C-alpha atoms as a PDB file:
ATOM      1  CA  UNK A   1       8.479  26.668   7.335  1.00  0.00           C
ATOM      2  CA  UNK A   2      11.259  24.065   7.468  1.00  0.00           C
ATOM      3  CA  UNK A   3      13.280  23.273   4.332  1.00  0.00           C
ATOM      4  CA  UNK A   4      11.884  19.715   4.247  1.00  0.00           C
ATOM      5  CA  UNK A   5       8.238  20.873   4.309  1.00  0.00           C
ATOM      6  CA  UNK A   6       5.811  22.006   1.643  1.00  0.00           C
ATOM      7  CA  UNK A   7       2.377  23.629   1.922  1.00  0.00           C
ATOM      8  CA  UNK A   8      -0.726  21.963   0.462  1.00  0.00           C
ATOM      9  CA  UNK A   9      -4.333  22.968   0.000  1.00  0.00           C
ATOM     10  CA  UNK A  10      -7.354  20.891  -0.978  1.00  0.00           C
ATOM     11  CA  UNK A  11     -10.575  22.569  -2.065  1.00  0.00           C
ATOM     12  CA  UNK A  12     -14.091  21.246  -2.370  1.00  0.00           C
ATOM     13  CA  UNK A  13     -17.346  23.044  -3.158  1.00  0.00           C
ATOM     14  CA  UNK A  14     -19.405  21.133  -0.568  1.00  0.00           C
ATOM     15  CA  UNK A  15     -19.323  18.441   2.106  1.00  0.00           C
ATOM     16  CA  UNK A  16     -21.938  16.174   0.503  1.00  0.00           C
ATOM     17  CA  UNK A  17     -20.799  12.516   0.419  1.00  0.00           C
ATOM     18  CA  UNK A  18     -21.025  10.603  -2.861  1.00  0.00           C
ATOM     19  CA  UNK A  19     -23.328   8.105  -1.195  1.00  0.00           C
ATOM     20  CA  UNK A  20     -25.272   8.180   2.058  1.00  0.00           C
ATOM     21  CA  UNK A  21     -28.396   6.030   1.488  1.00  0.00           C
ATOM     22  CA  UNK A  22     -29.285   5.897   5.195  1.00  0.00           C
ATOM     23  CA  UNK A  23     -28.871   9.676   5.618  1.00  0.00           C
ATOM     24  CA  UNK A  24     -26.364   9.167   8.434  1.00  0.00           C
ATOM     25  CA  UNK A  25     -24.989  12.108  10.383  1.00  0.00           C
ATOM     26  CA  UNK A  26     -21.308  12.490   9.533  1.00  0.00           C
ATOM     27  CA  UNK A  27     -18.104  14.403  10.104  1.00  0.00           C
ATOM     28  CA  UNK A  28     -16.310  15.575   6.960  1.00  0.00           C
ATOM     29  CA  UNK A  29     -12.695  16.539   6.695  1.00  0.00           C
ATOM     30  CA  UNK A  30      -9.062  15.769   6.041  1.00  0.00           C
ATOM     31  CA  UNK A  31      -8.183  12.442   7.646  1.00  0.00           C
ATOM     32  CA  UNK A  32      -4.861  12.030   9.420  1.00  0.00           C
ATOM     33  CA  UNK A  33      -2.938   8.749   9.830  1.00  0.00           C
ATOM     34  CA  UNK A  34      -4.655   8.073  13.157  1.00  0.00           C
ATOM     35  CA  UNK A  35      -8.174   8.484  11.769  1.00  0.00           C
ATOM     36  CA  UNK A  36      -8.759  11.946  13.178  1.00  0.00           C
ATOM     37  CA  UNK A  37     -10.966  14.079  10.914  1.00  0.00           C
ATOM     38  CA  UNK A  38      -9.859  17.721  10.636  1.00  0.00           C
ATOM     39  CA  UNK A  39     -12.702  19.948   9.436  1.00  0.00           C
ATOM     40  CA  UNK A  40     -12.338  22.387   6.547  1.00  0.00           C
ATOM     41  CA  UNK A  41     -12.137  26.141   6.730  1.00  0.00           C
ATOM     42  CA  UNK A  42     -15.078  27.751   4.881  1.00  0.00           C
ATOM     43  CA  UNK A  43     -13.958  30.440   2.420  1.00  0.00           C
ATOM     44  CA  UNK A  44     -15.834  33.673   1.625  1.00  0.00           C
ATOM     45  CA  UNK A  45     -17.012  32.220  -1.697  1.00  0.00           C
ATOM     46  CA  UNK A  46     -18.468  29.126   0.049  1.00  0.00           C
ATOM     47  CA  UNK A  47     -15.663  26.788  -0.956  1.00  0.00           C
ATOM     48  CA  UNK A  48     -14.257  24.516   1.750  1.00  0.00           C
ATOM     49  CA  UNK A  49     -10.469  24.591   2.158  1.00  0.00           C
ATOM     50  CA  UNK A  50      -8.010  22.250   3.859  1.00  0.00           C
ATOM     51  CA  UNK A  51      -4.578  23.778   4.480  1.00  0.00           C
ATOM     52  CA  UNK A  52      -1.799  21.482   5.711  1.00  0.00           C
ATOM     53  CA  UNK A  53       1.894  20.750   5.350  1.00  0.00           C
ATOM     54  CA  UNK A  54       3.727  17.588   4.439  1.00  0.00           C
ATOM     55  CA  UNK A  55       7.371  16.709   4.757  1.00  0.00           C
ATOM     56  CA  UNK A  56       9.253  15.953   1.560  1.00  0.00           C
ATOM     57  CA  UNK A  57      12.378  13.942   0.859  1.00  0.00           C
ATOM     58  CA  UNK A  58      14.131  12.075  -1.943  1.00  0.00           C
ATOM     59  CA  UNK A  59      12.991   8.543  -2.620  1.00  0.00           C
ATOM     60  CA  UNK A  60      14.149   5.621  -4.723  1.00  0.00           C
ATOM     61  CA  UNK A  61      13.196   7.488  -7.914  1.00  0.00           C
ATOM     62  CA  UNK A  62      15.173  10.745  -7.815  1.00  0.00           C
ATOM     63  CA  UNK A  63      12.545  12.426 -10.043  1.00  0.00           C
ATOM     64  CA  UNK A  64       9.736  11.871  -7.537  1.00  0.00           C
ATOM     65  CA  UNK A  65       9.586  13.272  -4.020  1.00  0.00           C
ATOM     66  CA  UNK A  66       8.312  11.144  -1.150  1.00  0.00           C
ATOM     67  CA  UNK A  67       5.839  12.891   1.133  1.00  0.00           C
ATOM     68  CA  UNK A  68       5.349  12.222   4.825  1.00  0.00           C
ATOM     69  CA  UNK A  69       3.731  13.703   7.871  1.00  0.00           C
ATOM     70  CA  UNK A  70       0.456  13.613   9.700  1.00  0.00           C
ATOM     71  CA  UNK A  71      -1.787  13.404   6.603  1.00  0.00           C
ATOM     72  CA  UNK A  72       0.324  11.294   4.189  1.00  0.00           C
ATOM     73  CA  UNK A  73      -1.015   7.753   3.745  1.00  0.00           C
ATOM     74  CA  UNK A  74      -0.007   4.831   1.538  1.00  0.00           C
ATOM     75  CA  UNK A  75       3.302   3.367   0.355  1.00  0.00           C
ATOM     76  CA  UNK A  76       6.223   5.728  -0.448  1.00  0.00           C
ATOM     77  CA  UNK A  77       5.779   5.399  -4.231  1.00  0.00           C
ATOM     78  CA  UNK A  78       1.998   6.028  -4.126  1.00  0.00           C
ATOM     79  CA  UNK A  79       1.253   8.425  -1.276  1.00  0.00           C
ATOM     80  CA  UNK A  80      -2.095  10.190  -0.973  1.00  0.00           C
ATOM     81  CA  UNK A  81      -4.194  12.213   1.418  1.00  0.00           C
ATOM     82  CA  UNK A  82      -7.800  11.381   2.304  1.00  0.00           C
ATOM     83  CA  UNK A  83     -10.916  13.485   2.423  1.00  0.00           C
ATOM     84  CA  UNK A  84     -13.302  11.455   4.562  1.00  0.00           C
ATOM     85  CA  UNK A  85     -16.944  11.307   5.535  1.00  0.00           C
ATOM     86  CA  UNK A  86     -17.179   9.541   8.889  1.00  0.00           C
ATOM     87  CA  UNK A  87     -20.525   8.192  10.123  1.00  0.00           C
ATOM     88  CA  UNK A  88     -20.767   9.437  13.707  1.00  0.00           C
ATOM     89  CA  UNK A  89     -23.123   6.857  15.239  1.00  0.00           C
ATOM     90  CA  UNK A  90     -22.035   3.880  13.112  1.00  0.00           C
ATOM     91  CA  UNK A  91     -18.337   4.607  13.729  1.00  0.00           C
ATOM     92  CA  UNK A  92     -17.003   3.966  10.223  1.00  0.00           C
ATOM     93  CA  UNK A  93     -16.509   5.732   6.897  1.00  0.00           C
ATOM     94  CA  UNK A  94     -19.380   6.518   4.571  1.00  0.00           C
ATOM     95  CA  UNK A  95     -16.925   7.599   1.844  1.00  0.00           C
ATOM     96  CA  UNK A  96     -13.248   8.443   1.472  1.00  0.00           C
ATOM     97  CA  UNK A  97     -11.642  10.169  -1.518  1.00  0.00           C
ATOM     98  CA  UNK A  98      -7.919   9.966  -2.260  1.00  0.00           C
ATOM     99  CA  UNK A  99      -5.900  12.911  -3.475  1.00  0.00           C
ATOM    100  CA  UNK A 100      -2.934  11.083  -4.978  1.00  0.00           C
ATOM    101  CA  UNK A 101       0.474  12.762  -4.617  1.00  0.00           C
ATOM    102  CA  UNK A 102       2.467  10.545  -7.010  1.00  0.00           C
ATOM    103  CA  UNK A 103       2.261  12.920  -9.975  1.00  0.00           C
ATOM    104  CA  UNK A 104       3.860  15.816  -8.053  1.00  0.00           C
ATOM    105  CA  UNK A 105       7.463  16.361  -9.140  1.00  0.00           C
ATOM    106  CA  UNK A 106      10.399  18.242  -7.650  1.00  0.00           C
ATOM    107  CA  UNK A 107       9.815  21.227  -9.935  1.00  0.00           C
ATOM    108  CA  UNK A 108       6.469  22.113  -8.356  1.00  0.00           C
ATOM    109  CA  UNK A 109       7.753  21.267  -4.854  1.00  0.00           C
ATOM    110  CA  UNK A 110      10.702  23.662  -5.229  1.00  0.00           C
ATOM    111  CA  UNK A 111       8.487  26.341  -6.778  1.00  0.00           C
ATOM    112  CA  UNK A 112       6.039  26.047  -3.860  1.00  0.00           C
ATOM    113  CA  UNK A 113       8.828  26.282  -1.309  1.00  0.00           C
ATOM    114  CA  UNK A 114      10.506  29.253  -3.027  1.00  0.00           C
ATOM    115  CA  UNK A 115       7.265  31.218  -3.352  1.00  0.00           C
ATOM    116  CA  UNK A 116       5.673  30.049  -0.089  1.00  0.00           C
ATOM    117  CA  UNK A 117       2.613  29.062  -2.139  1.00  0.00           C
ATOM    118  CA  UNK A 118       0.521  25.943  -1.595  1.00  0.00           C
ATOM    119  CA  UNK A 119       0.344  23.007  -3.954  1.00  0.00           C
ATOM    120  CA  UNK A 120      -3.402  22.968  -4.517  1.00  0.00           C
ATOM    121  CA  UNK A 121      -6.022  20.614  -5.938  1.00  0.00           C
ATOM    122  CA  UNK A 122      -9.766  21.031  -6.347  1.00  0.00           C
ATOM    123  CA  UNK A 123     -11.478  17.849  -5.140  1.00  0.00           C
ATOM    124  CA  UNK A 124     -15.003  19.008  -6.075  1.00  0.00           C
ATOM    125  CA  UNK A 125     -16.977  16.159  -7.583  1.00  0.00           C
ATOM    126  CA  UNK A 126     -14.421  13.486  -6.723  1.00  0.00           C
ATOM    127  CA  UNK A 127     -15.933  10.214  -5.565  1.00  0.00           C
ATOM    128  CA  UNK A 128     -14.537   6.980  -4.140  1.00  0.00           C
ATOM    129  CA  UNK A 129     -14.799   5.573  -7.680  1.00  0.00           C
ATOM    130  CA  UNK A 130     -12.001   7.929  -8.779  1.00  0.00           C
ATOM    131  CA  UNK A 131      -9.452   5.940  -6.761  1.00  0.00           C
ATOM    132  CA  UNK A 132      -6.867   5.707  -9.551  1.00  0.00           C
ATOM    133  CA  UNK A 133      -7.581   9.052 -11.179  1.00  0.00           C
ATOM    134  CA  UNK A 134      -4.722  11.486 -10.683  1.00  0.00           C
ATOM    135  CA  UNK A 135      -5.385  14.890  -9.205  1.00  0.00           C
ATOM    136  CA  UNK A 136      -4.360  18.043 -11.049  1.00  0.00           C
ATOM    137  CA  UNK A 137      -2.058  20.023  -8.778  1.00  0.00           C
ATOM    138  CA  UNK A 138      -1.188  23.721  -9.211  1.00  0.00           C
ATOM    139  CA  UNK A 139       0.369  26.510  -7.182  1.00  0.00           C
ATOM    140  CA  UNK A 140      -1.883  29.050  -5.448  1.00  0.00           C
END
């Protein structure tokens, strides 16, 4: 791994969207900046995992890293990654859930890089209504 990269992992217990009143067929996964949906990797315990890397650099606030790369969305001071449910026939999103990155500091970034561990968050139960709720990140 390059010195300006850090590993991440999102977990979720299922692929059920928060809402789907028309029972639309969908693709579920980690959404990149071009709208591509990358499916999860099922774990032995049934949990769905998304493993990816982001670039990291210093920003305006020296205490907060700025993340970039294929999956980083949003402005530099409020980056996030999306888990998305995409309606196949309709061609738009049923739901999208943000995993906000703004509460990740340099301490956990450096610890992840030094240990080659992923900065991980469990997104189980998160809904689009949790848009401003911060994610709890930990090393795994």
